[in-house]
Amino acid sequence: MLLTDESGEVLEKYEVLKNKKMFGKEVKSIERSTFVFNKFGELVKEFRNVKPGPHPEEVLEYIKENLTN
């Protein structure tokens, strides 16, 4: 599921809004992250500062190994 967070509440809860320098100025940036929840809505795995290339396969492998019965 993808999520839109106009209020910033979820960004703050999962600490993905980061400060970074861009062209000498400090700006807010969203850290690319994936959060995996079990069927009870409990957070079971965090992938932080991910790169899009092999990441989907890494998440799928984690789910197959840990969350499927």
N, C-alpha and C. Protein backbone atom coordinates (compact mmCIF):
# COMPACT_ATOMS: atom_id res chain seq x y z
N MET A 1 0.83 -1.15 0.00
CA MET A 1 0.00 0.00 0.00
C MET A 1 0.89 1.23 0.00
N LEU A 2 0.56 2.19 -0.77
CA LEU A 2 1.23 3.48 -0.72
C LEU A 2 0.36 4.43 0.08
N LEU A 3 0.97 5.40 0.69
CA LEU A 3 0.28 6.24 1.64
C LEU A 3 0.59 7.70 1.37
N THR A 4 -0.42 8.54 1.43
CA THR A 4 -0.24 9.99 1.36
C THR A 4 -0.43 10.56 2.75
N ASP A 5 0.46 11.45 3.15
CA ASP A 5 0.43 11.99 4.51
C ASP A 5 0.53 13.50 4.47
N GLU A 6 -0.56 14.16 4.12
CA GLU A 6 -0.54 15.62 3.98
C GLU A 6 -0.27 16.33 5.30
N SER A 7 -0.69 15.75 6.42
CA SER A 7 -0.50 16.41 7.71
C SER A 7 0.91 16.19 8.27
N GLY A 8 1.62 15.17 7.77
CA GLY A 8 2.95 14.87 8.28
C GLY A 8 2.95 13.99 9.50
N GLU A 9 1.78 13.57 9.97
CA GLU A 9 1.68 12.76 11.19
C GLU A 9 2.41 11.43 11.07
N VAL A 10 2.25 10.74 9.95
CA VAL A 10 2.90 9.44 9.76
C VAL A 10 4.40 9.62 9.54
N LEU A 11 4.77 10.66 8.80
CA LEU A 11 6.20 10.96 8.60
C LEU A 11 6.89 11.12 9.94
N GLU A 12 6.25 11.83 10.83
CA GLU A 12 6.81 12.08 12.16
C GLU A 12 6.86 10.79 12.98
N LYS A 13 5.78 10.02 12.96
CA LYS A 13 5.71 8.79 13.77
C LYS A 13 6.82 7.82 13.40
N TYR A 14 7.10 7.67 12.10
CA TYR A 14 8.11 6.71 11.66
C TYR A 14 9.47 7.35 11.38
N GLU A 15 9.60 8.61 11.76
CA GLU A 15 10.88 9.34 11.69
C GLU A 15 11.54 9.26 10.32
N VAL A 16 10.78 9.57 9.27
CA VAL A 16 11.33 9.52 7.92
C VAL A 16 11.53 10.91 7.31
N LEU A 17 11.14 11.95 8.00
CA LEU A 17 11.39 13.31 7.54
C LEU A 17 12.74 13.74 8.09
N LYS A 18 13.69 13.93 7.20
CA LYS A 18 15.08 14.20 7.58
C LYS A 18 15.53 15.55 7.05
N ASN A 19 16.50 16.15 7.73
CA ASN A 19 17.16 17.35 7.24
C ASN A 19 18.36 16.92 6.41
N LYS A 20 18.57 17.61 5.30
CA LYS A 20 19.78 17.36 4.51
C LYS A 20 20.19 18.65 3.83
N LYS A 21 21.44 18.69 3.41
CA LYS A 21 21.97 19.87 2.73
C LYS A 21 21.81 19.69 1.22
N MET A 22 21.29 20.73 0.58
CA MET A 22 21.17 20.73 -0.86
C MET A 22 21.58 22.11 -1.36
N PHE A 23 22.63 22.15 -2.14
CA PHE A 23 23.17 23.41 -2.66
C PHE A 23 23.47 24.40 -1.54
N GLY A 24 23.98 23.87 -0.41
CA GLY A 24 24.37 24.71 0.70
C GLY A 24 23.26 25.10 1.65
N LYS A 25 22.02 24.72 1.33
CA LYS A 25 20.89 25.05 2.19
C LYS A 25 20.37 23.78 2.86
N GLU A 26 19.88 23.94 4.07
CA GLU A 26 19.28 22.80 4.76
C GLU A 26 17.82 22.71 4.35
N VAL A 27 17.43 21.53 3.89
CA VAL A 27 16.06 21.30 3.44
C VAL A 27 15.52 20.02 4.08
N LYS A 28 14.21 19.89 4.10
CA LYS A 28 13.57 18.67 4.59
C LYS A 28 13.46 17.70 3.42
N SER A 29 13.69 16.45 3.71
CA SER A 29 13.64 15.40 2.70
C SER A 29 13.03 14.15 3.32
N ILE A 30 12.34 13.38 2.52
CA ILE A 30 11.76 12.14 3.02
C ILE A 30 12.72 11.00 2.74
N GLU A 31 13.08 10.27 3.79
CA GLU A 31 13.94 9.10 3.65
C GLU A 31 13.12 7.97 3.03
N ARG A 32 13.60 7.42 1.92
CA ARG A 32 12.89 6.32 1.28
C ARG A 32 12.97 5.10 2.18
N SER A 33 11.80 4.64 2.61
CA SER A 33 11.73 3.55 3.59
C SER A 33 10.57 2.63 3.25
N THR A 34 10.68 1.40 3.70
CA THR A 34 9.60 0.43 3.58
C THR A 34 9.34 -0.15 4.96
N PHE A 35 8.07 -0.24 5.31
CA PHE A 35 7.68 -0.80 6.59
C PHE A 35 6.78 -2.00 6.32
N VAL A 36 7.07 -3.12 6.96
CA VAL A 36 6.29 -4.33 6.78
C VAL A 36 5.50 -4.57 8.07
N PHE A 37 4.20 -4.77 7.91
CA PHE A 37 3.30 -5.03 9.03
C PHE A 37 2.73 -6.43 8.89
N ASN A 38 2.47 -7.08 10.03
CA ASN A 38 1.84 -8.39 9.97
C ASN A 38 0.33 -8.23 9.83
N LYS A 39 -0.40 -9.34 9.81
CA LYS A 39 -1.84 -9.28 9.59
C LYS A 39 -2.59 -8.65 10.76
N PHE A 40 -1.91 -8.43 11.88
CA PHE A 40 -2.51 -7.78 13.04
C PHE A 40 -2.21 -6.27 13.08
N GLY A 41 -1.50 -5.79 12.06
CA GLY A 41 -1.16 -4.38 12.00
C GLY A 41 0.06 -4.01 12.80
N GLU A 42 0.83 -4.99 13.24
CA GLU A 42 2.03 -4.74 14.03
C GLU A 42 3.23 -4.58 13.10
N LEU A 43 4.04 -3.58 13.36
CA LEU A 43 5.26 -3.36 12.58
C LEU A 43 6.25 -4.48 12.90
N VAL A 44 6.68 -5.20 11.86
CA VAL A 44 7.59 -6.32 12.09
C VAL A 44 8.96 -6.13 11.43
N LYS A 45 9.07 -5.19 10.49
CA LYS A 45 10.36 -4.98 9.82
C LYS A 45 10.40 -3.58 9.23
N GLU A 46 11.57 -2.95 9.37
CA GLU A 46 11.82 -1.64 8.76
C GLU A 46 13.00 -1.76 7.82
N PHE A 47 12.85 -1.24 6.63
CA PHE A 47 13.95 -1.10 5.69
C PHE A 47 14.15 0.40 5.52
N ARG A 48 15.30 0.91 5.92
CA ARG A 48 15.55 2.36 5.90
C ARG A 48 16.54 2.74 4.80
N ASN A 49 16.35 3.93 4.27
CA ASN A 49 17.26 4.52 3.29
C ASN A 49 17.53 3.55 2.13
N VAL A 50 16.46 3.04 1.57
CA VAL A 50 16.57 2.01 0.54
C VAL A 50 16.80 2.59 -0.85
N LYS A 51 17.35 1.77 -1.71
CA LYS A 51 17.52 2.10 -3.12
C LYS A 51 16.51 1.27 -3.90
N PRO A 52 15.93 1.81 -4.95
CA PRO A 52 14.84 1.11 -5.64
C PRO A 52 15.25 -0.15 -6.39
N GLY A 53 16.48 -0.31 -6.81
CA GLY A 53 16.90 -1.45 -7.63
C GLY A 53 16.49 -2.80 -7.09
N PRO A 54 17.29 -3.41 -6.22
CA PRO A 54 16.98 -4.75 -5.73
C PRO A 54 16.02 -4.78 -4.54
N HIS A 55 15.62 -3.64 -4.08
CA HIS A 55 14.84 -3.57 -2.84
C HIS A 55 13.51 -4.35 -2.89
N PRO A 56 12.72 -4.26 -3.94
CA PRO A 56 11.46 -5.02 -3.94
C PRO A 56 11.67 -6.53 -3.74
N GLU A 57 12.71 -7.07 -4.33
CA GLU A 57 12.99 -8.49 -4.15
C GLU A 57 13.38 -8.81 -2.71
N GLU A 58 14.13 -7.89 -2.09
CA GLU A 58 14.53 -8.07 -0.70
C GLU A 58 13.31 -8.10 0.22
N VAL A 59 12.35 -7.21 -0.02
CA VAL A 59 11.13 -7.16 0.79
C VAL A 59 10.31 -8.42 0.56
N LEU A 60 10.15 -8.82 -0.69
CA LEU A 60 9.39 -10.03 -1.01
C LEU A 60 10.00 -11.26 -0.35
N GLU A 61 11.31 -11.37 -0.40
CA GLU A 61 12.00 -12.49 0.24
C GLU A 61 11.74 -12.50 1.75
N TYR A 62 11.82 -11.32 2.38
CA TYR A 62 11.54 -11.23 3.81
C TYR A 62 10.12 -11.71 4.12
N ILE A 63 9.16 -11.25 3.34
CA ILE A 63 7.76 -11.63 3.57
C ILE A 63 7.57 -13.13 3.39
N LYS A 64 8.14 -13.68 2.34
CA LYS A 64 8.02 -15.13 2.10
C LYS A 64 8.60 -15.94 3.24
N GLU A 65 9.75 -15.50 3.76
CA GLU A 65 10.45 -16.25 4.81
C GLU A 65 9.84 -16.06 6.20
N ASN A 66 9.17 -14.94 6.42
CA ASN A 66 8.75 -14.61 7.77
C ASN A 66 7.25 -14.46 8.00
N LEU A 67 6.49 -14.21 6.95
CA LEU A 67 5.08 -13.88 7.20
C LEU A 67 4.09 -14.80 6.48
N THR A 68 4.57 -15.76 5.73
CA THR A 68 3.64 -16.66 5.06
C THR A 68 3.56 -17.96 5.83
N ASN A 69 2.39 -18.55 5.84
CA ASN A 69 2.20 -19.81 6.58
C ASN A 69 2.00 -20.93 5.60
